[in-house]
Amino acid sequence: MARPPSAAQLRMIAAAESVTGRLRGTPAQLAALGRLRLAFRHPRPPHDWFLTPAGHRLREAPRGAEPPVTAPAADPGAPPRDTGVFAARVGGEAPGPGGPGRAREVHSAWAGLLEMRRMTHTDGSTERPCGWERTHLIPAAALALEAAGRVPRTTESDGYEVAGSAQPEAVTVRAADSDGLRACADALTRAGWQVSEHQEPRTGHRYLLASPRRV
């Protein structure tokens, strides 16, 4: 298990730029944050370092809260991936912690994803999905839905559910009723996904096919 960030590392995180999460420090200090998956190095010059979604959450955590222990990254220069601290809710899980704490986590994860879009698109656009989303279709779509205020299905309540599909670069989204399905379609469209509605031939149940928009 990796050690939690040191006091000096916490000060670096607190001093990051408020919107972009850009970090300042020595190469060794920045690489150490990268190994903790709290920062990543931008692939294009000038190769600055930025907070990952986990780094943003740590910065926004209430003062005095216990800092999370994060697993070391295999490649400190790679874009941030799942850290074990935050997981998008795809639907079908047991009920998890909610309330303001979960809302802060979702807001921070979505803000980090938008920043990843901005930094990895040559035109700096945040309006369309990035490469990470194309290789993590299910959690990316689920995060877009939860960030838009949609509620995932649990073992105790109805809501959306995101799953894979037979089509490449597409996920299926189901909801409890037609209103919920339309709300999911609107949320994904606003998040930069292409969405179409379909009907299962045998059951008549309607569902969405959603894929990341390219242009």
N, C-alpha and C. Protein backbone atom coordinates (compact mmCIF):
# COMPACT_ATOMS: atom_id res chain seq x y z
N MET A 1 0.85 -1.19 0.00
CA MET A 1 0.00 0.00 0.00
C MET A 1 0.88 1.24 0.00
N ALA A 2 0.56 2.20 -0.83
CA ALA A 2 1.34 3.43 -0.91
C ALA A 2 1.06 4.30 0.30
N ARG A 3 2.07 5.10 0.66
CA ARG A 3 1.89 6.01 1.79
C ARG A 3 1.00 7.16 1.39
N PRO A 4 0.34 7.82 2.37
CA PRO A 4 -0.46 9.01 2.04
C PRO A 4 0.47 10.16 1.69
N PRO A 5 -0.05 11.20 1.03
CA PRO A 5 0.79 12.34 0.67
C PRO A 5 1.35 13.03 1.91
N SER A 6 2.57 13.53 1.78
CA SER A 6 3.23 14.21 2.89
C SER A 6 2.65 15.60 3.05
N ALA A 7 3.06 16.27 4.15
CA ALA A 7 2.60 17.64 4.39
C ALA A 7 3.06 18.56 3.27
N ALA A 8 4.28 18.37 2.78
CA ALA A 8 4.78 19.21 1.69
C ALA A 8 3.97 18.97 0.41
N GLN A 9 3.62 17.71 0.15
CA GLN A 9 2.82 17.42 -1.03
C GLN A 9 1.43 18.00 -0.91
N LEU A 10 0.86 17.97 0.28
CA LEU A 10 -0.46 18.57 0.49
C LEU A 10 -0.41 20.08 0.25
N ARG A 11 0.69 20.71 0.64
CA ARG A 11 0.83 22.15 0.39
C ARG A 11 0.92 22.43 -1.11
N MET A 12 1.62 21.59 -1.86
CA MET A 12 1.68 21.75 -3.32
C MET A 12 0.29 21.63 -3.94
N ILE A 13 -0.46 20.65 -3.47
CA ILE A 13 -1.81 20.44 -4.00
C ILE A 13 -2.69 21.64 -3.68
N ALA A 14 -2.60 22.14 -2.46
CA ALA A 14 -3.41 23.30 -2.06
C ALA A 14 -3.05 24.53 -2.87
N ALA A 15 -1.78 24.63 -3.33
CA ALA A 15 -1.33 25.81 -4.07
C ALA A 15 -1.57 25.70 -5.57
N ALA A 16 -2.13 24.58 -6.05
CA ALA A 16 -2.39 24.43 -7.48
C ALA A 16 -3.38 25.48 -7.95
N GLU A 17 -3.30 25.83 -9.24
CA GLU A 17 -4.23 26.81 -9.79
C GLU A 17 -5.67 26.34 -9.59
N SER A 18 -6.53 27.27 -9.21
CA SER A 18 -7.86 26.90 -8.75
C SER A 18 -8.71 26.25 -9.83
N VAL A 19 -8.61 26.70 -11.06
CA VAL A 19 -9.47 26.17 -12.12
C VAL A 19 -8.80 25.03 -12.86
N THR A 20 -7.58 25.22 -13.30
CA THR A 20 -6.92 24.22 -14.13
C THR A 20 -6.27 23.10 -13.33
N GLY A 21 -5.92 23.36 -12.06
CA GLY A 21 -5.19 22.37 -11.29
C GLY A 21 -3.73 22.28 -11.65
N ARG A 22 -3.20 23.30 -12.36
CA ARG A 22 -1.79 23.30 -12.73
C ARG A 22 -0.93 23.38 -11.47
N LEU A 23 0.13 22.58 -11.44
CA LEU A 23 1.00 22.47 -10.26
C LEU A 23 2.35 23.13 -10.51
N ARG A 24 2.98 23.54 -9.45
CA ARG A 24 4.34 24.06 -9.50
C ARG A 24 5.19 23.27 -8.51
N GLY A 25 6.41 22.96 -8.91
CA GLY A 25 7.32 22.24 -8.03
C GLY A 25 8.51 21.74 -8.81
N THR A 26 9.44 21.10 -8.13
CA THR A 26 10.59 20.53 -8.80
C THR A 26 10.16 19.28 -9.57
N PRO A 27 10.93 18.86 -10.57
CA PRO A 27 10.58 17.62 -11.30
C PRO A 27 10.39 16.43 -10.37
N ALA A 28 11.24 16.33 -9.35
CA ALA A 28 11.12 15.19 -8.43
C ALA A 28 9.84 15.27 -7.63
N GLN A 29 9.48 16.47 -7.17
CA GLN A 29 8.25 16.64 -6.40
C GLN A 29 7.02 16.31 -7.24
N LEU A 30 7.01 16.78 -8.48
CA LEU A 30 5.87 16.55 -9.35
C LEU A 30 5.75 15.06 -9.71
N ALA A 31 6.89 14.43 -9.99
CA ALA A 31 6.86 13.01 -10.32
C ALA A 31 6.36 12.18 -9.14
N ALA A 32 6.69 12.61 -7.92
CA ALA A 32 6.22 11.89 -6.73
C ALA A 32 4.70 11.97 -6.63
N LEU A 33 4.12 13.14 -6.93
CA LEU A 33 2.66 13.24 -6.95
C LEU A 33 2.07 12.37 -8.05
N GLY A 34 2.78 12.28 -9.17
CA GLY A 34 2.32 11.41 -10.25
C GLY A 34 2.27 9.96 -9.82
N ARG A 35 3.27 9.50 -9.07
CA ARG A 35 3.28 8.12 -8.61
C ARG A 35 2.12 7.83 -7.66
N LEU A 36 1.66 8.87 -6.97
CA LEU A 36 0.50 8.72 -6.08
C LEU A 36 -0.82 8.88 -6.83
N ARG A 37 -0.74 9.12 -8.14
CA ARG A 37 -1.92 9.34 -8.97
C ARG A 37 -2.70 10.57 -8.53
N LEU A 38 -2.02 11.52 -7.99
CA LEU A 38 -2.64 12.79 -7.64
C LEU A 38 -2.32 13.86 -8.67
N ALA A 39 -1.42 13.58 -9.61
CA ALA A 39 -1.04 14.52 -10.66
C ALA A 39 -0.67 13.73 -11.90
N PHE A 40 -0.77 14.39 -13.05
CA PHE A 40 -0.31 13.78 -14.29
C PHE A 40 0.36 14.84 -15.14
N ARG A 41 1.27 14.40 -16.00
CA ARG A 41 2.06 15.29 -16.85
C ARG A 41 1.40 15.40 -18.21
N HIS A 42 1.17 16.62 -18.63
CA HIS A 42 0.52 16.83 -19.92
C HIS A 42 1.41 16.29 -21.04
N PRO A 43 0.80 15.56 -22.01
CA PRO A 43 1.64 14.94 -23.05
C PRO A 43 2.23 15.92 -24.06
N ARG A 44 1.73 17.16 -24.12
CA ARG A 44 2.24 18.12 -25.09
C ARG A 44 3.09 19.18 -24.40
N PRO A 45 4.08 19.75 -25.11
CA PRO A 45 4.88 20.82 -24.52
C PRO A 45 3.97 21.95 -24.03
N PRO A 46 4.31 22.58 -22.93
CA PRO A 46 5.55 22.45 -22.15
C PRO A 46 5.52 21.35 -21.10
N HIS A 47 4.62 20.38 -21.24
CA HIS A 47 4.58 19.21 -20.35
C HIS A 47 4.40 19.61 -18.89
N ASP A 48 3.49 20.54 -18.65
CA ASP A 48 3.19 20.91 -17.26
C ASP A 48 2.47 19.78 -16.55
N TRP A 49 2.44 19.88 -15.23
CA TRP A 49 1.77 18.89 -14.40
C TRP A 49 0.46 19.47 -13.88
N PHE A 50 -0.58 18.60 -13.82
CA PHE A 50 -1.91 19.01 -13.38
C PHE A 50 -2.46 17.99 -12.39
N LEU A 51 -3.37 18.45 -11.55
CA LEU A 51 -4.04 17.54 -10.62
C LEU A 51 -4.93 16.57 -11.39
N THR A 52 -4.94 15.33 -10.96
CA THR A 52 -5.91 14.35 -11.44
C THR A 52 -7.24 14.61 -10.71
N PRO A 53 -8.33 13.93 -11.12
CA PRO A 53 -9.56 14.05 -10.33
C PRO A 53 -9.35 13.72 -8.85
N ALA A 54 -8.52 12.73 -8.55
CA ALA A 54 -8.24 12.42 -7.14
C ALA A 54 -7.52 13.58 -6.46
N GLY A 55 -6.61 14.24 -7.19
CA GLY A 55 -5.92 15.40 -6.62
C GLY A 55 -6.88 16.55 -6.36
N HIS A 56 -7.81 16.78 -7.30
CA HIS A 56 -8.82 17.82 -7.09
C HIS A 56 -9.67 17.50 -5.86
N ARG A 57 -10.07 16.24 -5.71
CA ARG A 57 -10.89 15.87 -4.55
C ARG A 57 -10.13 16.08 -3.25
N LEU A 58 -8.86 15.75 -3.26
CA LEU A 58 -8.06 15.93 -2.06
C LEU A 58 -7.95 17.40 -1.70
N ARG A 59 -7.78 18.26 -2.70
CA ARG A 59 -7.67 19.69 -2.44
C ARG A 59 -8.98 20.25 -1.89
N GLU A 60 -10.11 19.70 -2.35
CA GLU A 60 -11.40 20.22 -1.94
C GLU A 60 -11.93 19.57 -0.67
N ALA A 61 -11.21 18.57 -0.15
CA ALA A 61 -11.68 17.88 1.06
C ALA A 61 -11.67 18.84 2.24
N PRO A 62 -12.59 18.66 3.20
CA PRO A 62 -12.59 19.53 4.37
C PRO A 62 -11.25 19.49 5.09
N ARG A 63 -10.84 20.64 5.61
CA ARG A 63 -9.56 20.72 6.31
C ARG A 63 -9.58 19.78 7.52
N GLY A 64 -8.51 19.02 7.67
CA GLY A 64 -8.41 18.08 8.78
C GLY A 64 -8.90 16.69 8.42
N ALA A 65 -9.49 16.54 7.23
CA ALA A 65 -9.94 15.20 6.82
C ALA A 65 -8.75 14.30 6.58
N GLU A 66 -8.94 13.02 6.78
CA GLU A 66 -7.86 12.05 6.59
C GLU A 66 -7.50 11.98 5.12
N PRO A 67 -6.24 12.21 4.73
CA PRO A 67 -5.89 12.13 3.31
C PRO A 67 -5.98 10.70 2.80
N PRO A 68 -6.46 10.51 1.57
CA PRO A 68 -6.60 9.15 1.04
C PRO A 68 -5.26 8.54 0.73
N VAL A 69 -5.20 7.23 0.85
CA VAL A 69 -4.03 6.48 0.40
C VAL A 69 -4.31 6.02 -1.01
N THR A 70 -3.44 6.33 -1.94
CA THR A 70 -3.68 6.01 -3.34
C THR A 70 -2.66 5.01 -3.83
N ALA A 71 -3.09 4.21 -4.80
CA ALA A 71 -2.18 3.21 -5.36
C ALA A 71 -1.20 3.88 -6.31
N PRO A 72 0.04 3.40 -6.38
CA PRO A 72 1.00 4.00 -7.29
C PRO A 72 0.62 3.75 -8.74
N ALA A 73 0.88 4.72 -9.59
CA ALA A 73 0.57 4.59 -11.02
C ALA A 73 1.67 3.84 -11.72
N ALA A 74 1.28 3.04 -12.71
CA ALA A 74 2.28 2.33 -13.50
C ALA A 74 3.09 3.30 -14.35
N ASP A 75 2.44 4.37 -14.82
CA ASP A 75 3.10 5.35 -15.67
C ASP A 75 2.71 6.74 -15.20
N PRO A 76 3.59 7.46 -14.47
CA PRO A 76 3.23 8.76 -13.94
C PRO A 76 2.86 9.76 -15.04
N GLY A 77 3.29 9.55 -16.28
CA GLY A 77 2.99 10.50 -17.33
C GLY A 77 1.68 10.21 -18.06
N ALA A 78 0.99 9.12 -17.68
CA ALA A 78 -0.25 8.78 -18.37
C ALA A 78 -1.40 9.59 -17.82
N PRO A 79 -2.47 9.79 -18.62
CA PRO A 79 -3.66 10.45 -18.10
C PRO A 79 -4.22 9.68 -16.93
N PRO A 80 -4.92 10.34 -16.02
CA PRO A 80 -5.41 9.68 -14.82
C PRO A 80 -6.43 8.61 -15.15
N ARG A 81 -6.35 7.51 -14.42
CA ARG A 81 -7.32 6.44 -14.55
C ARG A 81 -7.94 6.21 -13.19
N ASP A 82 -8.73 5.09 -13.07
CA ASP A 82 -9.35 4.81 -11.79
C ASP A 82 -8.29 4.74 -10.70
N THR A 83 -8.55 5.38 -9.57
CA THR A 83 -7.58 5.42 -8.48
C THR A 83 -8.01 4.58 -7.30
N GLY A 84 -9.21 4.06 -7.33
CA GLY A 84 -9.70 3.36 -6.16
C GLY A 84 -10.38 4.31 -5.19
N VAL A 85 -10.26 5.61 -5.37
CA VAL A 85 -10.89 6.58 -4.49
C VAL A 85 -12.29 6.91 -4.99
N PHE A 86 -12.44 7.10 -6.29
CA PHE A 86 -13.74 7.45 -6.87
C PHE A 86 -14.09 6.43 -7.94
N ALA A 87 -15.34 6.02 -7.96
CA ALA A 87 -15.82 5.13 -9.02
C ALA A 87 -17.17 5.63 -9.49
N ALA A 88 -17.32 5.79 -10.79
CA ALA A 88 -18.61 6.18 -11.35
C ALA A 88 -19.62 5.07 -11.07
N ARG A 89 -20.84 5.45 -10.78
CA ARG A 89 -21.89 4.48 -10.50
C ARG A 89 -22.65 4.18 -11.79
N VAL A 90 -22.50 2.96 -12.26
CA VAL A 90 -23.08 2.59 -13.56
C VAL A 90 -24.50 2.07 -13.43
N GLY A 91 -24.95 1.83 -12.22
CA GLY A 91 -26.28 1.28 -11.99
C GLY A 91 -26.22 -0.19 -11.70
N GLY A 92 -27.09 -0.63 -10.80
CA GLY A 92 -27.11 -2.03 -10.41
C GLY A 92 -26.30 -2.33 -9.16
N GLU A 93 -25.61 -1.32 -8.61
CA GLU A 93 -24.83 -1.53 -7.40
C GLU A 93 -25.73 -1.50 -6.16
N ALA A 94 -25.18 -1.94 -5.06
CA ALA A 94 -25.84 -1.72 -3.77
C ALA A 94 -25.80 -0.23 -3.46
N PRO A 95 -26.75 0.28 -2.69
CA PRO A 95 -26.74 1.71 -2.36
C PRO A 95 -25.42 2.11 -1.71
N GLY A 96 -24.84 3.22 -2.17
CA GLY A 96 -23.59 3.71 -1.62
C GLY A 96 -23.80 5.02 -0.89
N PRO A 97 -22.75 5.56 -0.29
CA PRO A 97 -22.85 6.85 0.40
C PRO A 97 -23.33 7.93 -0.56
N GLY A 98 -24.22 8.77 -0.08
CA GLY A 98 -24.74 9.86 -0.90
C GLY A 98 -24.55 11.19 -0.20
N GLY A 99 -25.46 12.10 -0.45
CA GLY A 99 -25.42 13.39 0.21
C GLY A 99 -24.35 14.31 -0.33
N PRO A 100 -24.01 15.35 0.43
CA PRO A 100 -23.04 16.35 -0.05
C PRO A 100 -21.67 15.77 -0.37
N GLY A 101 -21.25 14.74 0.38
CA GLY A 101 -19.94 14.16 0.13
C GLY A 101 -19.85 13.54 -1.25
N ARG A 102 -20.87 12.77 -1.62
CA ARG A 102 -20.88 12.17 -2.95
C ARG A 102 -21.01 13.25 -4.02
N ALA A 103 -21.82 14.26 -3.75
CA ALA A 103 -21.98 15.35 -4.73
C ALA A 103 -20.65 16.04 -4.99
N ARG A 104 -19.84 16.25 -3.94
CA ARG A 104 -18.52 16.87 -4.12
C ARG A 104 -17.61 15.97 -4.94
N GLU A 105 -17.65 14.68 -4.68
CA GLU A 105 -16.81 13.75 -5.44
C GLU A 105 -17.16 13.77 -6.92
N VAL A 106 -18.46 13.73 -7.21
CA VAL A 106 -18.90 13.71 -8.61
C VAL A 106 -18.53 15.03 -9.29
N HIS A 107 -18.76 16.14 -8.60
CA HIS A 107 -18.42 17.45 -9.18
C HIS A 107 -16.94 17.54 -9.49
N SER A 108 -16.10 17.08 -8.57
CA SER A 108 -14.66 17.16 -8.77
C SER A 108 -14.20 16.24 -9.90
N ALA A 109 -14.77 15.03 -9.95
CA ALA A 109 -14.40 14.10 -11.01
C ALA A 109 -14.81 14.64 -12.38
N TRP A 110 -15.97 15.24 -12.46
CA TRP A 110 -16.42 15.80 -13.74
C TRP A 110 -15.56 17.00 -14.14
N ALA A 111 -15.21 17.84 -13.16
CA ALA A 111 -14.35 18.98 -13.46
C ALA A 111 -12.98 18.50 -13.96
N GLY A 112 -12.46 17.43 -13.36
CA GLY A 112 -11.19 16.89 -13.81
C GLY A 112 -11.28 16.32 -15.21
N LEU A 113 -12.42 15.70 -15.54
CA LEU A 113 -12.59 15.15 -16.87
C LEU A 113 -12.69 16.26 -17.92
N LEU A 114 -13.40 17.33 -17.60
CA LEU A 114 -13.47 18.47 -18.52
C LEU A 114 -12.09 19.07 -18.75
N GLU A 115 -11.29 19.12 -17.69
CA GLU A 115 -9.94 19.66 -17.85
C GLU A 115 -9.10 18.73 -18.73
N MET A 116 -9.29 17.43 -18.59
CA MET A 116 -8.58 16.49 -19.44
C MET A 116 -8.97 16.70 -20.91
N ARG A 117 -10.26 16.95 -21.15
CA ARG A 117 -10.69 17.24 -22.52
C ARG A 117 -9.96 18.48 -23.04
N ARG A 118 -9.95 19.52 -22.24
CA ARG A 118 -9.36 20.78 -22.68
C ARG A 118 -7.89 20.60 -23.03
N MET A 119 -7.18 19.83 -22.24
CA MET A 119 -5.74 19.70 -22.42
C MET A 119 -5.37 18.72 -23.54
N THR A 120 -6.26 17.79 -23.86
CA THR A 120 -5.89 16.78 -24.85
C THR A 120 -6.46 17.05 -26.24
N HIS A 121 -7.39 18.00 -26.35
CA HIS A 121 -7.87 18.41 -27.66
C HIS A 121 -7.02 19.56 -28.18
N THR A 122 -6.65 19.48 -29.43
CA THR A 122 -5.77 20.52 -29.97
C THR A 122 -6.42 21.89 -29.96
N ASP A 123 -7.75 21.94 -30.04
CA ASP A 123 -8.44 23.23 -30.01
C ASP A 123 -8.88 23.63 -28.61
N GLY A 124 -8.52 22.82 -27.61
CA GLY A 124 -8.87 23.14 -26.23
C GLY A 124 -10.33 22.98 -25.90
N SER A 125 -11.09 22.28 -26.74
CA SER A 125 -12.53 22.15 -26.52
C SER A 125 -12.83 21.23 -25.34
N THR A 126 -13.86 21.60 -24.59
CA THR A 126 -14.40 20.72 -23.54
C THR A 126 -15.77 20.18 -23.92
N GLU A 127 -16.20 20.44 -25.16
CA GLU A 127 -17.55 20.10 -25.59
C GLU A 127 -17.69 18.67 -26.10
N ARG A 128 -16.57 18.00 -26.36
CA ARG A 128 -16.66 16.63 -26.87
C ARG A 128 -15.71 15.73 -26.07
N PRO A 129 -16.05 14.44 -25.98
CA PRO A 129 -15.26 13.51 -25.18
C PRO A 129 -13.82 13.38 -25.66
N CYS A 130 -12.96 12.97 -24.74
CA CYS A 130 -11.53 12.81 -25.03
C CYS A 130 -11.21 11.33 -25.19
N GLY A 131 -9.93 11.06 -25.43
CA GLY A 131 -9.50 9.69 -25.64
C GLY A 131 -9.76 8.79 -24.45
N TRP A 132 -9.59 9.32 -23.23
CA TRP A 132 -9.84 8.50 -22.05
C TRP A 132 -11.27 8.00 -22.04
N GLU A 133 -12.21 8.85 -22.40
CA GLU A 133 -13.61 8.45 -22.39
C GLU A 133 -13.89 7.36 -23.42
N ARG A 134 -13.18 7.41 -24.54
CA ARG A 134 -13.39 6.41 -25.59
C ARG A 134 -12.87 5.04 -25.20
N THR A 135 -11.93 5.00 -24.27
CA THR A 135 -11.41 3.72 -23.81
C THR A 135 -12.01 3.30 -22.48
N HIS A 136 -12.88 4.14 -21.91
CA HIS A 136 -13.57 3.83 -20.66
C HIS A 136 -15.03 4.23 -20.82
N LEU A 137 -15.70 3.63 -21.81
CA LEU A 137 -17.02 4.09 -22.21
C LEU A 137 -18.04 4.03 -21.08
N ILE A 138 -18.10 2.92 -20.37
CA ILE A 138 -19.15 2.75 -19.36
C ILE A 138 -18.97 3.73 -18.20
N PRO A 139 -17.80 3.79 -17.55
CA PRO A 139 -17.68 4.77 -16.46
C PRO A 139 -17.78 6.21 -16.95
N ALA A 140 -17.32 6.50 -18.18
CA ALA A 140 -17.41 7.87 -18.69
C ALA A 140 -18.86 8.29 -18.87
N ALA A 141 -19.68 7.42 -19.46
CA ALA A 141 -21.09 7.75 -19.63
C ALA A 141 -21.80 7.85 -18.28
N ALA A 142 -21.46 6.94 -17.36
CA ALA A 142 -22.09 6.98 -16.04
C ALA A 142 -21.73 8.27 -15.31
N LEU A 143 -20.47 8.70 -15.42
CA LEU A 143 -20.08 9.94 -14.76
C LEU A 143 -20.83 11.13 -15.35
N ALA A 144 -21.00 11.16 -16.68
CA ALA A 144 -21.74 12.25 -17.30
C ALA A 144 -23.18 12.28 -16.78
N LEU A 145 -23.79 11.12 -16.61
CA LEU A 145 -25.16 11.07 -16.12
C LEU A 145 -25.25 11.52 -14.66
N GLU A 146 -24.36 11.01 -13.83
CA GLU A 146 -24.42 11.38 -12.41
C GLU A 146 -24.09 12.85 -12.22
N ALA A 147 -23.14 13.38 -13.01
CA ALA A 147 -22.80 14.80 -12.91
C ALA A 147 -23.96 15.68 -13.33
N ALA A 148 -24.85 15.16 -14.19
CA ALA A 148 -26.03 15.92 -14.62
C ALA A 148 -27.20 15.77 -13.65
N GLY A 149 -26.98 15.05 -12.56
CA GLY A 149 -28.03 14.91 -11.56
C GLY A 149 -28.90 13.68 -11.70
N ARG A 150 -28.56 12.80 -12.64
CA ARG A 150 -29.33 11.57 -12.77
C ARG A 150 -28.94 10.59 -11.66
N VAL A 151 -29.85 9.73 -11.29
CA VAL A 151 -29.64 8.82 -10.16
C VAL A 151 -29.50 7.40 -10.69
N PRO A 152 -28.45 6.67 -10.30
CA PRO A 152 -28.28 5.30 -10.79
C PRO A 152 -29.25 4.34 -10.13
N ARG A 153 -29.55 3.27 -10.86
CA ARG A 153 -30.37 2.21 -10.28
C ARG A 153 -29.58 1.48 -9.21
N THR A 154 -30.22 1.18 -8.10
CA THR A 154 -29.61 0.37 -7.05
C THR A 154 -30.51 -0.81 -6.75
N THR A 155 -30.09 -1.64 -5.83
CA THR A 155 -30.91 -2.78 -5.44
C THR A 155 -32.16 -2.35 -4.70
N GLU A 156 -32.25 -1.05 -4.36
CA GLU A 156 -33.40 -0.56 -3.60
C GLU A 156 -34.21 0.50 -4.35
N SER A 157 -33.75 0.97 -5.51
CA SER A 157 -34.47 2.04 -6.20
C SER A 157 -34.20 1.97 -7.69
N ASP A 158 -35.10 2.60 -8.45
CA ASP A 158 -34.96 2.66 -9.89
C ASP A 158 -34.08 3.83 -10.29
N GLY A 159 -33.55 3.77 -11.51
CA GLY A 159 -32.71 4.84 -12.04
C GLY A 159 -32.06 4.35 -13.31
N TYR A 160 -31.01 5.05 -13.73
CA TYR A 160 -30.33 4.64 -14.97
C TYR A 160 -29.42 3.44 -14.73
N GLU A 161 -29.10 2.75 -15.82
CA GLU A 161 -28.11 1.68 -15.79
C GLU A 161 -27.34 1.72 -17.11
N VAL A 162 -26.02 1.74 -17.03
CA VAL A 162 -25.16 1.80 -18.21
C VAL A 162 -24.47 0.45 -18.37
N ALA A 163 -24.46 -0.06 -19.59
CA ALA A 163 -23.81 -1.34 -19.86
C ALA A 163 -23.17 -1.29 -21.25
N GLY A 164 -22.39 -2.30 -21.55
CA GLY A 164 -21.77 -2.38 -22.85
C GLY A 164 -22.78 -2.70 -23.94
N SER A 165 -22.32 -2.65 -25.17
CA SER A 165 -23.20 -2.98 -26.30
C SER A 165 -22.40 -3.75 -27.34
N ALA A 166 -23.11 -4.32 -28.32
CA ALA A 166 -22.44 -5.05 -29.39
C ALA A 166 -21.78 -4.12 -30.38
N GLN A 167 -22.13 -2.85 -30.35
CA GLN A 167 -21.55 -1.89 -31.27
C GLN A 167 -20.26 -1.32 -30.70
N PRO A 168 -19.24 -1.15 -31.54
CA PRO A 168 -17.99 -0.56 -31.04
C PRO A 168 -18.21 0.90 -30.63
N GLU A 169 -17.52 1.31 -29.60
CA GLU A 169 -17.58 2.69 -29.10
C GLU A 169 -19.00 3.12 -28.78
N ALA A 170 -19.79 2.22 -28.18
CA ALA A 170 -21.15 2.57 -27.79
C ALA A 170 -21.53 1.83 -26.51
N VAL A 171 -22.37 2.45 -25.72
CA VAL A 171 -22.92 1.83 -24.52
C VAL A 171 -24.44 1.84 -24.62
N THR A 172 -25.08 0.98 -23.85
CA THR A 172 -26.53 1.02 -23.72
C THR A 172 -26.87 1.69 -22.40
N VAL A 173 -27.94 2.45 -22.42
CA VAL A 173 -28.43 3.12 -21.21
C VAL A 173 -29.90 2.79 -21.07
N ARG A 174 -30.29 2.30 -19.91
CA ARG A 174 -31.69 1.99 -19.63
C ARG A 174 -32.15 2.81 -18.43
N ALA A 175 -33.44 3.06 -18.38
CA ALA A 175 -34.02 3.83 -17.29
C ALA A 175 -35.35 3.21 -16.91
N ALA A 176 -35.90 3.67 -15.78
CA ALA A 176 -37.12 3.06 -15.26
C ALA A 176 -38.33 3.36 -16.13
N ASP A 177 -38.36 4.51 -16.80
CA ASP A 177 -39.52 4.88 -17.61
C ASP A 177 -39.06 5.79 -18.74
N SER A 178 -40.02 6.17 -19.59
CA SER A 178 -39.69 6.98 -20.76
C SER A 178 -39.18 8.36 -20.37
N ASP A 179 -39.72 8.94 -19.29
CA ASP A 179 -39.23 10.24 -18.85
C ASP A 179 -37.77 10.15 -18.41
N GLY A 180 -37.45 9.10 -17.67
CA GLY A 180 -36.06 8.92 -17.25
C GLY A 180 -35.14 8.68 -18.42
N LEU A 181 -35.61 7.97 -19.42
CA LEU A 181 -34.79 7.71 -20.60
C LEU A 181 -34.51 9.01 -21.36
N ARG A 182 -35.56 9.85 -21.51
CA ARG A 182 -35.35 11.13 -22.19
C ARG A 182 -34.40 12.03 -21.41
N ALA A 183 -34.51 12.01 -20.09
CA ALA A 183 -33.61 12.83 -19.28
C ALA A 183 -32.17 12.36 -19.43
N CYS A 184 -31.95 11.05 -19.50
CA CYS A 184 -30.60 10.52 -19.71
C CYS A 184 -30.09 10.92 -21.09
N ALA A 185 -30.96 10.86 -22.10
CA ALA A 185 -30.55 11.24 -23.45
C ALA A 185 -30.14 12.71 -23.48
N ASP A 186 -30.91 13.57 -22.82
CA ASP A 186 -30.57 15.00 -22.79
C ASP A 186 -29.23 15.22 -22.09
N ALA A 187 -29.01 14.52 -20.96
CA ALA A 187 -27.78 14.71 -20.20
C ALA A 187 -26.56 14.28 -21.02
N LEU A 188 -26.66 13.14 -21.69
CA LEU A 188 -25.53 12.66 -22.48
C LEU A 188 -25.28 13.55 -23.69
N THR A 189 -26.34 14.03 -24.31
CA THR A 189 -26.17 14.93 -25.46
C THR A 189 -25.44 16.20 -25.03
N ARG A 190 -25.83 16.77 -23.91
CA ARG A 190 -25.15 17.97 -23.40
C ARG A 190 -23.70 17.68 -23.06
N ALA A 191 -23.39 16.44 -22.69
CA ALA A 191 -22.03 16.07 -22.33
C ALA A 191 -21.18 15.70 -23.54
N GLY A 192 -21.74 15.81 -24.75
CA GLY A 192 -20.95 15.56 -25.95
C GLY A 192 -21.07 14.16 -26.52
N TRP A 193 -22.14 13.45 -26.18
CA TRP A 193 -22.34 12.10 -26.70
C TRP A 193 -23.42 12.10 -27.77
N GLN A 194 -23.29 11.20 -28.73
CA GLN A 194 -24.34 10.97 -29.72
C GLN A 194 -25.29 9.91 -29.17
N VAL A 195 -26.57 10.19 -29.23
CA VAL A 195 -27.55 9.32 -28.57
C VAL A 195 -28.68 8.99 -29.55
N SER A 196 -29.08 7.74 -29.56
CA SER A 196 -30.26 7.32 -30.33
C SER A 196 -31.07 6.36 -29.48
N GLU A 197 -32.38 6.38 -29.69
CA GLU A 197 -33.29 5.54 -28.89
C GLU A 197 -33.73 4.34 -29.72
N HIS A 198 -33.80 3.18 -29.07
CA HIS A 198 -34.14 1.94 -29.75
C HIS A 198 -35.13 1.14 -28.91
N GLN A 199 -35.69 0.11 -29.53
CA GLN A 199 -36.65 -0.76 -28.85
C GLN A 199 -36.24 -2.20 -29.02
N GLU A 200 -36.27 -2.95 -27.94
CA GLU A 200 -35.96 -4.37 -28.02
C GLU A 200 -37.14 -5.09 -28.69
N PRO A 201 -36.86 -5.88 -29.74
CA PRO A 201 -37.96 -6.49 -30.51
C PRO A 201 -38.87 -7.40 -29.68
N ARG A 202 -38.28 -8.18 -28.80
CA ARG A 202 -39.09 -9.18 -28.10
C ARG A 202 -39.83 -8.61 -26.90
N THR A 203 -39.19 -7.72 -26.16
CA THR A 203 -39.81 -7.21 -24.93
C THR A 203 -40.50 -5.86 -25.12
N GLY A 204 -40.09 -5.12 -26.14
CA GLY A 204 -40.65 -3.79 -26.32
C GLY A 204 -40.00 -2.73 -25.45
N HIS A 205 -39.06 -3.14 -24.60
CA HIS A 205 -38.39 -2.17 -23.73
C HIS A 205 -37.52 -1.24 -24.57
N ARG A 206 -37.55 0.03 -24.21
CA ARG A 206 -36.76 1.02 -24.94
C ARG A 206 -35.46 1.30 -24.20
N TYR A 207 -34.43 1.61 -24.96
CA TYR A 207 -33.12 1.89 -24.39
C TYR A 207 -32.39 2.86 -25.31
N LEU A 208 -31.28 3.39 -24.82
CA LEU A 208 -30.45 4.31 -25.59
C LEU A 208 -29.17 3.62 -26.01
N LEU A 209 -28.69 3.99 -27.19
CA LEU A 209 -27.32 3.70 -27.60
C LEU A 209 -26.59 5.05 -27.59
N ALA A 210 -25.47 5.10 -26.91
CA ALA A 210 -24.73 6.37 -26.79
C ALA A 210 -23.27 6.12 -27.11
N SER A 211 -22.69 7.04 -27.87
CA SER A 211 -21.27 6.95 -28.21
C SER A 211 -20.65 8.33 -28.16
N PRO A 212 -19.37 8.44 -27.84
CA PRO A 212 -18.71 9.75 -27.76
C PRO A 212 -18.69 10.45 -29.11
N ARG A 213 -19.12 11.70 -29.13
CA ARG A 213 -19.12 12.48 -30.36
C ARG A 213 -17.69 12.82 -30.72
N ARG A 214 -17.37 12.80 -32.02
CA ARG A 214 -16.01 13.11 -32.48
C ARG A 214 -15.86 14.55 -32.95
N VAL A 215 -16.92 15.18 -33.43
CA VAL A 215 -16.84 16.55 -33.93
C VAL A 215 -17.96 17.38 -33.33
